[in-house]
């Protein structure tokens, strides 16, 4: 481990949101398409998005359903409860 020197007046980055996904803004019946970035596989995206929705749902007593959307090149998430 290497400990750096103490610095002052270092600005905090502009993007420091705790929530990457919009789960907290969704109402029952809403859905959102999380699209894969260029070069990213849907099969790599779903294992990231699905568990994130499930984890948020477990903590807030809400339920989500995720399915791959081949046409939209992403993963669609519905809030179902």
N, C-alpha and C. Protein backbone atom coordinates (compact mmCIF):
# COMPACT_ATOMS: atom_id res chain seq x y z
N UNK A 1 0.85 -1.17 0.00
CA UNK A 1 0.00 0.00 0.00
C UNK A 1 0.89 1.23 0.00
N UNK A 2 0.47 2.20 -0.79
CA UNK A 2 1.21 3.45 -0.85
C UNK A 2 0.25 4.59 -0.52
N UNK A 3 0.58 5.38 0.46
CA UNK A 3 -0.26 6.50 0.88
C UNK A 3 0.32 7.77 0.31
N UNK A 4 -0.54 8.50 -0.43
CA UNK A 4 -0.10 9.74 -1.06
C UNK A 4 -0.06 10.89 -0.06
N UNK A 5 0.38 12.03 -0.55
CA UNK A 5 0.45 13.22 0.31
C UNK A 5 -0.94 13.84 0.44
N UNK A 6 -1.17 14.56 1.48
CA UNK A 6 -2.43 15.25 1.71
C UNK A 6 -2.50 16.45 0.78
N UNK A 7 -3.64 16.56 0.09
CA UNK A 7 -3.82 17.66 -0.85
C UNK A 7 -5.08 18.44 -0.46
N UNK A 8 -5.07 19.74 -0.76
CA UNK A 8 -6.27 20.53 -0.51
C UNK A 8 -6.74 21.16 -1.81
N UNK A 9 -7.98 21.60 -1.80
CA UNK A 9 -8.61 22.25 -2.96
C UNK A 9 -8.68 21.34 -4.19
N UNK A 10 -8.89 20.04 -3.96
CA UNK A 10 -9.10 19.10 -5.05
C UNK A 10 -10.62 18.98 -5.21
N UNK A 11 -11.12 19.35 -6.40
CA UNK A 11 -12.56 19.35 -6.63
C UNK A 11 -13.11 17.94 -6.74
N UNK A 12 -14.32 17.77 -6.21
CA UNK A 12 -15.05 16.52 -6.32
C UNK A 12 -15.58 16.41 -7.75
N UNK A 13 -15.50 15.24 -8.38
CA UNK A 13 -16.02 15.10 -9.74
C UNK A 13 -17.51 15.43 -9.81
N UNK A 14 -17.95 15.95 -10.95
CA UNK A 14 -19.34 16.37 -11.12
C UNK A 14 -20.31 15.20 -11.01
N UNK A 15 -19.95 14.04 -11.53
CA UNK A 15 -20.85 12.88 -11.48
C UNK A 15 -20.50 12.05 -10.25
N UNK A 16 -21.36 12.11 -9.27
CA UNK A 16 -21.14 11.32 -8.06
C UNK A 16 -22.47 10.78 -7.54
N UNK A 17 -23.36 10.50 -8.48
CA UNK A 17 -24.67 9.98 -8.11
C UNK A 17 -24.53 8.59 -7.54
N UNK A 18 -25.28 8.30 -6.50
CA UNK A 18 -25.25 6.99 -5.88
C UNK A 18 -26.05 5.99 -6.72
N UNK A 19 -27.05 6.49 -7.44
CA UNK A 19 -27.92 5.61 -8.21
C UNK A 19 -27.61 5.71 -9.69
N UNK A 20 -27.20 4.59 -10.26
CA UNK A 20 -26.88 4.53 -11.68
C UNK A 20 -28.14 4.34 -12.51
N UNK A 21 -29.11 3.64 -11.97
CA UNK A 21 -30.34 3.31 -12.68
C UNK A 21 -31.53 4.09 -12.10
N UNK A 22 -32.60 4.26 -12.88
CA UNK A 22 -33.74 5.08 -12.43
C UNK A 22 -34.79 4.33 -11.62
N UNK A 23 -34.42 3.31 -10.87
CA UNK A 23 -35.42 2.49 -10.17
C UNK A 23 -36.30 3.31 -9.24
N UNK A 24 -35.73 4.26 -8.55
CA UNK A 24 -36.49 5.03 -7.55
C UNK A 24 -37.55 5.92 -8.19
N UNK A 25 -37.42 6.23 -9.46
CA UNK A 25 -38.36 7.11 -10.15
C UNK A 25 -39.47 6.35 -10.84
N UNK A 26 -39.40 5.03 -10.86
CA UNK A 26 -40.37 4.23 -11.60
C UNK A 26 -41.60 3.90 -10.77
N UNK A 27 -42.75 3.99 -11.43
CA UNK A 27 -44.03 3.60 -10.84
C UNK A 27 -44.41 2.24 -11.39
N UNK A 28 -45.37 1.55 -10.74
CA UNK A 28 -45.85 0.26 -11.22
C UNK A 28 -46.37 0.43 -12.65
N UNK A 29 -45.94 -0.43 -13.56
CA UNK A 29 -46.33 -0.37 -14.95
C UNK A 29 -45.32 0.35 -15.84
N UNK A 30 -44.39 1.09 -15.25
CA UNK A 30 -43.35 1.78 -16.02
C UNK A 30 -42.29 0.78 -16.46
N UNK A 31 -41.62 1.10 -17.57
CA UNK A 31 -40.48 0.30 -18.01
C UNK A 31 -39.40 1.24 -18.53
N UNK A 32 -38.19 0.73 -18.56
CA UNK A 32 -37.06 1.50 -19.07
C UNK A 32 -36.16 0.55 -19.86
N UNK A 33 -35.63 1.05 -20.97
CA UNK A 33 -34.70 0.26 -21.78
C UNK A 33 -33.29 0.72 -21.46
N UNK A 34 -32.48 -0.20 -20.97
CA UNK A 34 -31.06 0.06 -20.72
C UNK A 34 -30.32 -0.51 -21.91
N UNK A 35 -29.82 0.36 -22.78
CA UNK A 35 -29.18 -0.08 -24.02
C UNK A 35 -27.71 -0.40 -23.82
N UNK A 36 -27.27 -1.41 -24.56
CA UNK A 36 -25.86 -1.79 -24.54
C UNK A 36 -25.05 -0.73 -25.27
N UNK A 37 -23.88 -0.46 -24.77
CA UNK A 37 -22.97 0.47 -25.45
C UNK A 37 -22.31 -0.26 -26.60
N UNK A 38 -21.71 0.49 -27.50
CA UNK A 38 -21.07 -0.11 -28.66
C UNK A 38 -20.02 -1.12 -28.22
N UNK A 39 -20.11 -2.31 -28.77
CA UNK A 39 -19.17 -3.37 -28.43
C UNK A 39 -19.54 -4.17 -27.20
N UNK A 40 -20.60 -3.78 -26.49
CA UNK A 40 -21.02 -4.50 -25.28
C UNK A 40 -22.08 -5.53 -25.65
N UNK A 41 -21.96 -6.71 -25.13
CA UNK A 41 -22.89 -7.80 -25.41
C UNK A 41 -24.10 -7.72 -24.48
N UNK A 42 -25.28 -8.06 -25.04
CA UNK A 42 -26.48 -8.13 -24.19
C UNK A 42 -26.31 -9.17 -23.10
N UNK A 43 -25.57 -10.22 -23.41
CA UNK A 43 -25.36 -11.29 -22.44
C UNK A 43 -24.44 -10.86 -21.30
N UNK A 44 -23.70 -9.79 -21.49
CA UNK A 44 -22.91 -9.21 -20.40
C UNK A 44 -23.69 -8.13 -19.67
N UNK A 45 -24.64 -7.50 -20.37
CA UNK A 45 -25.42 -6.41 -19.77
C UNK A 45 -26.48 -6.93 -18.81
N UNK A 46 -27.19 -7.98 -19.20
CA UNK A 46 -28.29 -8.48 -18.36
C UNK A 46 -27.83 -8.90 -16.96
N UNK A 47 -26.67 -9.56 -16.81
CA UNK A 47 -26.22 -9.92 -15.46
C UNK A 47 -25.84 -8.71 -14.60
N UNK A 48 -25.73 -7.54 -15.18
CA UNK A 48 -25.47 -6.33 -14.40
C UNK A 48 -26.78 -5.65 -14.01
N UNK A 49 -27.68 -5.52 -15.00
CA UNK A 49 -28.92 -4.77 -14.80
C UNK A 49 -29.91 -5.55 -13.92
N UNK A 50 -30.11 -6.83 -14.22
CA UNK A 50 -31.07 -7.64 -13.48
C UNK A 50 -30.82 -7.65 -11.97
N UNK A 51 -29.60 -8.01 -11.54
CA UNK A 51 -29.32 -8.01 -10.11
C UNK A 51 -29.42 -6.62 -9.46
N UNK A 52 -29.09 -5.57 -10.22
CA UNK A 52 -29.20 -4.21 -9.66
C UNK A 52 -30.66 -3.88 -9.36
N UNK A 53 -31.56 -4.24 -10.29
CA UNK A 53 -32.99 -4.00 -10.07
C UNK A 53 -33.51 -4.85 -8.92
N UNK A 54 -33.10 -6.11 -8.87
CA UNK A 54 -33.54 -7.01 -7.81
C UNK A 54 -33.04 -6.52 -6.44
N UNK A 55 -31.81 -6.09 -6.35
CA UNK A 55 -31.25 -5.60 -5.10
C UNK A 55 -32.02 -4.37 -4.61
N UNK A 56 -32.26 -3.42 -5.54
CA UNK A 56 -33.03 -2.23 -5.16
C UNK A 56 -34.43 -2.63 -4.72
N UNK A 57 -35.04 -3.56 -5.44
CA UNK A 57 -36.38 -4.02 -5.09
C UNK A 57 -36.43 -4.69 -3.72
N UNK A 58 -35.45 -5.48 -3.41
CA UNK A 58 -35.39 -6.14 -2.09
C UNK A 58 -35.28 -5.12 -0.97
N UNK A 59 -34.51 -4.07 -1.20
CA UNK A 59 -34.31 -3.04 -0.17
C UNK A 59 -35.53 -2.14 0.01
N UNK A 60 -36.35 -2.00 -1.04
CA UNK A 60 -37.47 -1.05 -0.99
C UNK A 60 -38.83 -1.73 -1.07
N UNK A 61 -38.86 -3.06 -1.06
CA UNK A 61 -40.10 -3.84 -1.13
C UNK A 61 -40.85 -3.58 -2.44
N UNK A 62 -40.11 -3.48 -3.55
CA UNK A 62 -40.68 -3.31 -4.88
C UNK A 62 -40.21 -4.48 -5.74
N UNK A 63 -40.92 -4.75 -6.84
CA UNK A 63 -40.53 -5.87 -7.70
C UNK A 63 -40.34 -5.40 -9.13
N UNK A 64 -39.32 -5.97 -9.78
CA UNK A 64 -38.96 -5.63 -11.15
C UNK A 64 -38.81 -6.90 -11.97
N UNK A 65 -39.05 -6.80 -13.27
CA UNK A 65 -38.87 -7.90 -14.21
C UNK A 65 -37.94 -7.42 -15.31
N UNK A 66 -36.94 -8.22 -15.67
CA UNK A 66 -36.00 -7.83 -16.72
C UNK A 66 -35.99 -8.87 -17.84
N UNK A 67 -35.96 -8.38 -19.07
CA UNK A 67 -35.85 -9.24 -20.25
C UNK A 67 -34.94 -8.59 -21.28
N UNK A 68 -34.20 -9.41 -22.01
CA UNK A 68 -33.37 -8.86 -23.09
C UNK A 68 -34.28 -8.40 -24.22
N UNK A 69 -33.96 -7.28 -24.81
CA UNK A 69 -34.71 -6.71 -25.95
C UNK A 69 -33.74 -6.66 -27.12
N UNK A 70 -33.80 -7.69 -27.97
CA UNK A 70 -32.87 -7.79 -29.10
C UNK A 70 -33.04 -6.62 -30.06
N UNK A 71 -34.30 -6.23 -30.33
CA UNK A 71 -34.55 -5.14 -31.28
C UNK A 71 -34.04 -3.80 -30.75
N UNK A 72 -34.18 -3.58 -29.45
CA UNK A 72 -33.73 -2.34 -28.85
C UNK A 72 -32.27 -2.37 -28.44
N UNK A 73 -31.62 -3.54 -28.64
CA UNK A 73 -30.22 -3.73 -28.28
C UNK A 73 -29.96 -3.37 -26.82
N UNK A 74 -30.80 -3.95 -25.94
CA UNK A 74 -30.63 -3.65 -24.53
C UNK A 74 -31.43 -4.59 -23.65
N UNK A 75 -31.58 -4.18 -22.43
CA UNK A 75 -32.35 -4.92 -21.44
C UNK A 75 -33.49 -4.02 -21.00
N UNK A 76 -34.73 -4.52 -21.09
CA UNK A 76 -35.88 -3.75 -20.67
C UNK A 76 -36.26 -4.19 -19.25
N UNK A 77 -36.51 -3.20 -18.39
CA UNK A 77 -36.87 -3.47 -17.00
C UNK A 77 -38.23 -2.86 -16.73
N UNK A 78 -39.14 -3.69 -16.20
CA UNK A 78 -40.48 -3.24 -15.81
C UNK A 78 -40.59 -3.24 -14.30
N UNK A 79 -41.29 -2.26 -13.75
CA UNK A 79 -41.64 -2.32 -12.34
C UNK A 79 -43.00 -2.97 -12.29
N UNK A 80 -43.11 -4.11 -11.62
CA UNK A 80 -44.36 -4.86 -11.60
C UNK A 80 -45.10 -4.78 -10.28
N UNK A 81 -44.46 -4.37 -9.21
CA UNK A 81 -45.13 -4.17 -7.91
C UNK A 81 -44.47 -3.03 -7.18
